[in-house]
Structures are given as structure tokens and as C-alpha cells.
Amino acid sequence: MNSHPTKGYLYVMAAAVMWASCGTVGKILFDSGMTPMDLVQIRVTSSSILLFIFLGLFQRQSLRIRLRDVGYFFLLGAVIMTLAQLSYFYAISRINVAAAILLQYLAPGLVAIYSMCFWHERVTAIKLLSLAMAIGGCYLVVGGYDLDLLKINRVGIMWGLTSAVAFGSYTLLGERGMHRYPPWTVIFYAFVFASLTLNVIHTPFHGFTADYSMSQWLILLYVVIIGTILPFGLYFMGVNYIRSTKTIITATLEPISAAVMAFFLLGEVFEGLQIIGGISVIAAIVLLQLQREHDDLSPELLRLKKNQQAEDAQQ
């Protein structure tokens, strides 16, 4: 771990704001008539091409993978990454941007549940409290206290919950891949297999041939570069300076930024109880990550994780 943690926090904060802006401008595209499927197809395919050019020029070794790992990358990209991208943007198209992102932030809680069940992480009162706060907070965020609002948001809520499951799965499976490969290799091949899938289940390159205006194409360019490639790069740079648990805590700036941007650009407003729910979700993530960081220092868990990494490296 490098010194200069301030740099790490700044990198992750910048990444969080960029990801938040991606969701906000995505909603602008949906309001202008673009479909989430077209947006995701363009985002993932363009990111794959640009990453291939970048890695080919500056990190050619990152393009190499073992033949036996093709199945792993297929699962990560063609299934999980595809579902994560689609569910995220379909949720944004149906409900408030910040609400969709907060639902996605149930993912750390799902990862914690998995870790407690299968990786022998300790079950503590703080973890259980954090999970209860996250679930209760999301209930308020989506308007569960108002049956009429809940009914209107039902489809968007289902997409948001699917997004949380998909991102949680991506976190767990992606972490295993990073025991064997650099982060950019894992990200690149996840995007490659996702783009292949999206151009099979949807008309190949349909988004690229659609009759979109110049302003829509400029926003799409923003989504690909500022909303995808740059934040991934900044996030991984941040991880080099601060612990991964602290990067997740810092990344909670994303839903906060999204709420502010959506208010000024889209006129989206949260009710009082929804704001309380959002604060509860963010507080739950902070508590959960601080507890997991404390647990990570225990000799038993360190030994288990080292054994898991050794097994992954041998596969």
C-alpha cells in the first residue's frame, strides 16, 4: 500500500462524482427518447474498444489471459456485467437517479451476508445493525411508506434490487479474478464479453446506427469517457493508496452527488423520509465497512483469505 492517502481519497471521490454524473446524464438521454438497451450497448462496446487501444499501446501484458480462464471471464462479463449494466440503467429510467444508485448500494450488504455465510466472517451486532439500517433505509428511499408511490415505482425498484444483486456478484467474482490478474485485465474482459452479449441479445450495433442528435452523441461520449473509463481508472489508482474498505466508504459520495445533480439538472426531489432513508443507507455502509476492516486484521481471517487467494492462483 502506497503512502499519501490523501491522493487515494481524492481519486475515489472524483470517481464517485463521475459515476454519479453518468447516471444523471443517462436519465437525460432516456427522457430524450433513448432506450436503456441502446445506452448500455454503446457504453460497453465503446469502452471495450477504447480500453483495447489503451492497453495495447501502454499495457500490452494486461491483454493476456490463460485459455482455461475464458469460462470465468464469460461468466463475469457475459452474464453478471451485462445484468449489472442493464439493471442499473433500467432502474434509473424508472425511478429517481439517487434512489436507483442507493438501491445498488445494497451490494456491500449482500457481499457481507455472503462473506458471513461462506467465508467465515464473524457475525457481529454492528454488522446486523448495518444490514437492518441498509434495508430499512432503502425501504424509505423507494417510498415504501406510501403504497401509491410504491406501486408507481414497482418496476424500477425490482430493477434496482436486481442491480444490487448483480453488483454484489460482480464484486465477489471480480475479486477472485484480481487474485490472478491486474484490475484492468479483469475490467477489460468483463466489458468485452458483456459487449458481445449485448450485440447478440440486441440488434448488433443498433445503438451506433440509430438516428440520434449531435447533442445525444456528445452525451454518449461523456458517458463512455467521463462516466466509465476515467472513474474506473481513478478508482483503481485510489485503491493503491488506501484500503479497499475505505474506498467503498469514500465512494458513498456517489449517491449524494447524484441526488444533488439530479435536483439541479432534472428537478428530482426527495421527500423527508426518503432523505432519512438515504442517510441510513450511507451510514450503514460506513459502519459495515469499518467493521469489516477491523475483522480483516484478525489472524484467522487473514489466513483464510490467503488460502483462498492461493487456491485461486493455482486454478
Protein backbone atom coordinates (compact mmCIF):
# COMPACT_ATOMS: atom_id res chain seq x y z
CA MET A 1 0.00 0.00 0.00
CA ASN A 2 1.44 3.38 -1.05
CA SER A 3 1.68 6.37 1.26
CA HIS A 4 -0.11 9.68 0.55
CA PRO A 5 -3.65 8.51 1.43
CA THR A 6 -4.97 11.99 0.59
CA LYS A 7 -4.35 11.21 -3.09
CA GLY A 8 -6.29 7.98 -2.72
CA TYR A 9 -9.31 9.74 -1.22
CA LEU A 10 -9.25 12.42 -3.94
CA TYR A 11 -9.08 9.80 -6.70
CA VAL A 12 -12.00 7.81 -5.29
CA MET A 13 -14.05 10.94 -4.64
CA ALA A 14 -13.51 12.05 -8.24
CA ALA A 15 -14.52 8.58 -9.47
CA ALA A 16 -17.69 8.66 -7.34
CA VAL A 17 -18.73 12.05 -8.72
CA MET A 18 -18.08 10.89 -12.29
CA TRP A 19 -20.15 7.72 -11.79
CA ALA A 20 -22.94 9.82 -10.28
CA SER A 21 -22.88 12.14 -13.29
CA CYS A 22 -23.13 9.11 -15.57
CA GLY A 23 -26.44 8.12 -14.00
CA THR A 24 -27.77 11.68 -14.20
CA VAL A 25 -26.89 12.24 -17.86
CA GLY A 26 -28.20 8.74 -18.59
CA LYS A 27 -31.59 9.86 -17.28
CA ILE A 28 -31.38 12.88 -19.60
CA LEU A 29 -30.83 10.53 -22.54
CA PHE A 30 -33.82 8.39 -21.52
CA ASP A 31 -36.01 11.48 -21.26
CA SER A 32 -34.94 12.38 -24.80
CA GLY A 33 -36.10 9.02 -26.17
CA MET A 34 -33.06 6.75 -25.96
CA THR A 35 -33.60 3.25 -24.56
CA PRO A 36 -31.50 1.79 -21.73
CA MET A 37 -30.58 -1.13 -24.02
CA ASP A 38 -29.09 1.22 -26.64
CA LEU A 39 -27.23 3.22 -23.99
CA VAL A 40 -25.72 0.13 -22.37
CA GLN A 41 -24.78 -1.37 -25.74
CA ILE A 42 -22.97 1.82 -26.78
CA ARG A 43 -21.36 2.31 -23.35
CA VAL A 44 -19.98 -1.20 -23.01
CA THR A 45 -18.95 -1.70 -26.64
CA SER A 46 -17.23 1.69 -26.90
CA SER A 47 -15.47 1.15 -23.55
CA SER A 48 -14.18 -2.23 -24.76
CA ILE A 49 -12.74 -0.70 -27.93
CA LEU A 50 -11.11 2.26 -26.17
CA LEU A 51 -9.68 0.05 -23.41
CA PHE A 52 -8.27 -2.32 -26.04
CA ILE A 53 -6.49 0.59 -27.74
CA PHE A 54 -5.19 1.97 -24.43
CA LEU A 55 -3.95 -1.38 -23.11
CA GLY A 56 -2.50 -2.33 -26.48
CA LEU A 57 -0.43 0.85 -26.52
CA PHE A 58 0.61 1.12 -22.87
CA GLN A 59 -0.05 -2.17 -21.02
CA ARG A 60 0.03 -4.93 -23.60
CA GLN A 61 0.73 -7.56 -20.96
CA SER A 62 -2.70 -6.80 -19.45
CA LEU A 63 -4.37 -8.26 -22.55
CA ARG A 64 -3.01 -11.74 -21.88
CA ILE A 65 -5.17 -14.32 -20.13
CA ARG A 66 -4.95 -18.09 -19.75
CA LEU A 67 -7.18 -20.16 -22.03
CA ARG A 68 -8.61 -22.01 -19.03
CA ASP A 69 -9.90 -18.70 -17.63
CA VAL A 70 -12.08 -17.87 -20.64
CA GLY A 71 -15.07 -19.51 -18.93
CA TYR A 72 -14.53 -17.36 -15.85
CA PHE A 73 -14.46 -14.15 -17.90
CA PHE A 74 -17.51 -15.28 -19.86
CA LEU A 75 -19.48 -15.67 -16.62
CA LEU A 76 -18.18 -12.38 -15.23
CA GLY A 77 -18.83 -10.35 -18.38
CA ALA A 78 -21.49 -12.04 -20.48
CA VAL A 79 -23.77 -12.78 -17.54
CA ILE A 80 -23.00 -10.67 -14.48
CA MET A 81 -21.61 -7.48 -16.04
CA THR A 82 -24.39 -7.46 -18.65
CA LEU A 83 -27.06 -7.85 -15.98
CA ALA A 84 -25.41 -5.24 -13.76
CA GLN A 85 -25.28 -2.63 -16.52
CA LEU A 86 -28.80 -3.25 -17.81
CA SER A 87 -30.47 -3.37 -14.40
CA TYR A 88 -28.67 -0.19 -13.26
CA PHE A 89 -29.84 1.90 -16.21
CA TYR A 90 -33.32 0.37 -16.36
CA ALA A 91 -33.72 1.32 -12.69
CA ILE A 92 -32.57 4.88 -13.45
CA SER A 93 -35.04 5.09 -16.33
CA ARG A 94 -37.93 4.22 -13.98
CA ILE A 95 -37.16 5.91 -10.64
CA ASN A 96 -35.13 8.80 -9.25
CA VAL A 97 -31.43 8.61 -10.10
CA ALA A 98 -30.28 8.81 -6.48
CA ALA A 99 -32.86 6.19 -5.40
CA ALA A 100 -31.62 3.78 -8.08
CA ILE A 101 -28.00 4.27 -7.01
CA LEU A 102 -28.89 3.84 -3.32
CA LEU A 103 -30.60 0.55 -4.15
CA GLN A 104 -27.42 -0.52 -5.91
CA TYR A 105 -25.56 0.31 -2.68
CA LEU A 106 -27.27 -2.64 -1.04
CA ALA A 107 -24.49 -4.62 -2.78
CA PRO A 108 -21.93 -4.21 0.07
CA GLY A 109 -24.54 -5.58 2.45
CA LEU A 110 -25.16 -8.58 0.20
CA VAL A 111 -21.41 -9.17 -0.01
CA ALA A 112 -21.22 -9.03 3.78
CA ILE A 113 -24.01 -11.61 4.11
CA TYR A 114 -22.23 -13.89 1.65
CA SER A 115 -18.93 -13.43 3.49
CA MET A 116 -20.50 -14.29 6.82
CA CYS A 117 -22.20 -17.39 5.40
CA PHE A 118 -19.40 -18.79 3.23
CA TRP A 119 -16.12 -17.06 4.15
CA HIS A 120 -16.49 -17.46 7.92
CA GLU A 121 -16.51 -13.75 8.67
CA ARG A 122 -17.69 -13.04 12.20
CA VAL A 123 -21.36 -12.22 12.76
CA THR A 124 -21.41 -9.12 14.97
CA ALA A 125 -24.08 -6.81 16.33
CA ILE A 126 -22.68 -3.93 14.23
CA LYS A 127 -22.96 -5.96 11.02
CA LEU A 128 -26.54 -6.97 11.79
CA LEU A 129 -27.42 -3.38 12.71
CA SER A 130 -25.81 -2.12 9.49
CA LEU A 131 -27.78 -4.58 7.38
CA ALA A 132 -31.02 -3.60 9.11
CA MET A 133 -30.22 0.10 8.55
CA ALA A 134 -29.46 -0.52 4.86
CA ILE A 135 -32.67 -2.47 4.25
CA GLY A 136 -34.81 -0.05 6.25
CA GLY A 137 -33.17 2.91 4.56
CA CYS A 138 -33.84 1.53 1.09
CA TYR A 139 -37.45 0.89 2.09
CA LEU A 140 -37.80 4.60 2.84
CA VAL A 141 -35.82 5.70 -0.23
CA VAL A 142 -38.17 3.89 -2.62
CA GLY A 143 -41.25 5.25 -0.83
CA GLY A 144 -42.34 2.06 0.90
CA TYR A 145 -44.30 4.16 3.41
CA ASP A 146 -46.59 5.36 0.58
CA LEU A 147 -48.42 2.49 -1.15
CA ASP A 148 -49.32 4.64 -4.15
CA LEU A 149 -45.71 5.74 -4.63
CA LEU A 150 -44.52 2.17 -4.10
CA LYS A 151 -46.91 0.91 -6.77
CA ILE A 152 -45.73 3.51 -9.28
CA ASN A 153 -42.07 2.66 -8.61
CA ARG A 154 -42.53 -1.13 -8.51
CA VAL A 155 -40.77 -1.97 -11.79
CA GLY A 156 -37.93 0.46 -11.09
CA ILE A 157 -37.50 -0.97 -7.59
CA MET A 158 -37.24 -4.50 -8.96
CA TRP A 159 -34.56 -3.36 -11.44
CA GLY A 160 -32.74 -1.58 -8.61
CA LEU A 161 -32.74 -4.68 -6.41
CA THR A 162 -31.53 -6.74 -9.36
CA SER A 163 -28.75 -4.19 -9.80
CA ALA A 164 -27.69 -4.67 -6.16
CA VAL A 165 -27.54 -8.45 -6.57
CA ALA A 166 -25.64 -8.14 -9.85
CA PHE A 167 -23.10 -5.67 -8.48
CA GLY A 168 -22.64 -7.74 -5.34
CA SER A 169 -21.99 -10.81 -7.50
CA TYR A 170 -19.62 -8.81 -9.69
CA THR A 171 -17.71 -7.67 -6.58
CA LEU A 172 -17.28 -11.22 -5.30
CA LEU A 173 -16.41 -12.80 -8.64
CA GLY A 174 -14.26 -9.86 -9.74
CA GLU A 175 -12.25 -10.04 -6.52
CA ARG A 176 -11.36 -13.65 -7.30
CA GLY A 177 -10.16 -12.67 -10.75
CA MET A 178 -7.96 -9.94 -9.30
CA HIS A 179 -6.08 -12.58 -7.32
CA ARG A 180 -4.76 -13.78 -10.69
CA TYR A 181 -4.85 -10.75 -12.98
CA PRO A 182 -4.36 -6.97 -12.80
CA PRO A 183 -7.60 -4.98 -12.29
CA TRP A 184 -7.55 -3.60 -15.85
CA THR A 185 -7.41 -7.11 -17.29
CA VAL A 186 -10.49 -8.15 -15.32
CA ILE A 187 -12.38 -4.97 -16.25
CA PHE A 188 -11.42 -5.17 -19.93
CA TYR A 189 -12.51 -8.77 -20.47
CA ALA A 190 -15.68 -8.23 -18.46
CA PHE A 191 -16.53 -5.40 -20.84
CA VAL A 192 -15.54 -7.47 -23.90
CA PHE A 193 -17.79 -10.41 -23.05
CA ALA A 194 -20.60 -8.06 -21.98
CA SER A 195 -20.38 -6.21 -25.30
CA LEU A 196 -20.51 -9.49 -27.21
CA THR A 197 -23.62 -10.49 -25.29
CA LEU A 198 -25.32 -7.12 -25.77
CA ASN A 199 -24.70 -7.29 -29.52
CA VAL A 200 -26.28 -10.75 -29.62
CA ILE A 201 -29.39 -10.21 -27.49
CA HIS A 202 -29.95 -6.80 -29.12
CA THR A 203 -29.64 -5.93 -32.82
CA PRO A 204 -25.86 -5.80 -33.42
CA PHE A 205 -24.58 -2.20 -33.11
CA HIS A 206 -28.16 -0.92 -33.12
CA GLY A 207 -27.27 1.96 -30.83
CA PHE A 208 -24.48 3.08 -33.15
CA THR A 209 -26.74 3.17 -36.22
CA ALA A 210 -29.72 4.87 -34.54
CA ASP A 211 -30.70 8.36 -35.63
CA TYR A 212 -29.54 10.27 -32.56
CA SER A 213 -28.87 14.00 -32.50
CA MET A 214 -25.43 15.57 -32.12
CA SER A 215 -26.21 16.55 -28.52
CA GLN A 216 -27.17 12.95 -27.70
CA TRP A 217 -23.91 11.67 -29.20
CA LEU A 218 -21.92 14.20 -27.17
CA ILE A 219 -23.65 12.99 -24.01
CA LEU A 220 -22.92 9.40 -25.01
CA LEU A 221 -19.25 10.30 -25.45
CA TYR A 222 -19.36 11.78 -21.95
CA VAL A 223 -20.90 8.55 -20.59
CA VAL A 224 -18.16 6.40 -22.15
CA ILE A 225 -15.14 8.51 -21.17
CA ILE A 226 -16.11 10.54 -18.09
CA GLY A 227 -18.75 8.15 -16.80
CA THR A 228 -16.95 4.85 -17.39
CA ILE A 229 -13.26 4.66 -18.31
CA LEU A 230 -11.89 7.56 -16.25
CA PRO A 231 -13.72 6.69 -12.99
CA PHE A 232 -12.63 3.05 -13.19
CA GLY A 233 -9.04 4.22 -13.63
CA LEU A 234 -9.26 6.74 -10.78
CA TYR A 235 -10.92 4.17 -8.50
CA PHE A 236 -8.12 1.63 -9.03
CA MET A 237 -5.50 4.35 -8.53
CA GLY A 238 -7.23 5.20 -5.25
CA VAL A 239 -7.11 1.58 -4.11
CA ASN A 240 -3.30 1.75 -4.41
CA TYR A 241 -3.23 4.45 -1.73
CA ILE A 242 -5.98 3.44 0.71
CA ARG A 243 -7.54 0.18 1.89
CA SER A 244 -10.40 -1.20 -0.20
CA THR A 245 -12.80 -0.80 2.73
CA LYS A 246 -12.05 2.93 2.84
CA THR A 247 -12.53 3.22 -0.93
CA ILE A 248 -16.05 1.82 -0.57
CA ILE A 249 -16.82 4.26 2.24
CA THR A 250 -15.47 7.17 0.19
CA ALA A 251 -17.46 6.02 -2.85
CA THR A 252 -20.69 6.65 -0.93
CA LEU A 253 -20.23 10.19 -2.21
CA GLU A 254 -21.78 8.80 -5.43
CA PRO A 255 -25.45 8.74 -4.33
CA ILE A 256 -25.02 12.08 -2.56
CA SER A 257 -23.58 13.64 -5.72
CA ALA A 258 -26.30 12.01 -7.82
CA ALA A 259 -29.02 13.50 -5.63
CA VAL A 260 -27.52 16.99 -5.96
CA MET A 261 -27.04 16.70 -9.72
CA ALA A 262 -30.50 15.24 -10.29
CA PHE A 263 -32.03 18.08 -8.25
CA PHE A 264 -30.39 20.82 -10.33
CA LEU A 265 -30.46 19.11 -13.75
CA LEU A 266 -33.65 17.05 -13.58
CA GLY A 267 -35.68 18.66 -10.84
CA GLU A 268 -35.85 15.38 -8.89
CA VAL A 269 -36.68 15.97 -5.23
CA PHE A 270 -36.63 13.56 -2.27
CA GLU A 271 -39.28 13.71 0.44
CA GLY A 272 -38.19 13.99 4.07
CA LEU A 273 -38.50 10.27 4.82
CA GLN A 274 -36.59 9.43 1.64
CA ILE A 275 -33.74 11.69 2.73
CA ILE A 276 -33.68 9.94 6.12
CA GLY A 277 -33.59 6.60 4.30
CA GLY A 278 -30.67 7.73 2.15
CA ILE A 279 -28.72 8.84 5.21
CA SER A 280 -29.46 5.48 6.83
CA VAL A 281 -28.12 3.56 3.83
CA ILE A 282 -24.90 5.58 3.69
CA ALA A 283 -24.39 5.30 7.47
CA ALA A 284 -24.95 1.54 7.23
CA ILE A 285 -22.27 1.19 4.56
CA VAL A 286 -19.77 3.21 6.62
CA LEU A 287 -20.43 1.11 9.75
CA LEU A 288 -20.28 -2.13 7.80
CA GLN A 289 -17.00 -1.32 6.09
CA LEU A 290 -15.35 -0.13 9.31
CA GLN A 291 -16.37 -3.38 10.99
CA ARG A 292 -15.11 -5.47 8.07
CA GLU A 293 -11.80 -3.59 8.08
CA HIS A 294 -11.43 -4.44 11.77
CA ASP A 295 -12.25 -8.09 11.03
CA ASP A 296 -9.77 -8.19 8.14
CA LEU A 297 -6.96 -7.68 10.64
CA SER A 298 -7.80 -10.86 12.58
CA PRO A 299 -5.16 -13.60 12.11
CA GLU A 300 -7.76 -16.29 11.39
CA LEU A 301 -9.48 -14.36 8.62
CA LEU A 302 -6.15 -13.29 7.12
CA ARG A 303 -5.14 -16.97 6.98
CA LEU A 304 -8.44 -17.98 5.34
CA LYS A 305 -8.16 -15.22 2.73
CA LYS A 306 -4.55 -16.09 1.95
CA ASN A 307 -5.56 -19.73 1.47
CA GLN A 308 -8.41 -18.62 -0.85
CA GLN A 309 -6.02 -16.46 -2.87
CA ALA A 310 -3.55 -19.32 -3.14
CA GLU A 311 -6.29 -21.65 -4.39
CA ASP A 312 -7.42 -19.07 -6.95
CA ALA A 313 -3.87 -18.60 -8.19
CA GLN A 314 -3.48 -22.35 -8.75
CA GLN A 315 -6.71 -22.70 -10.72
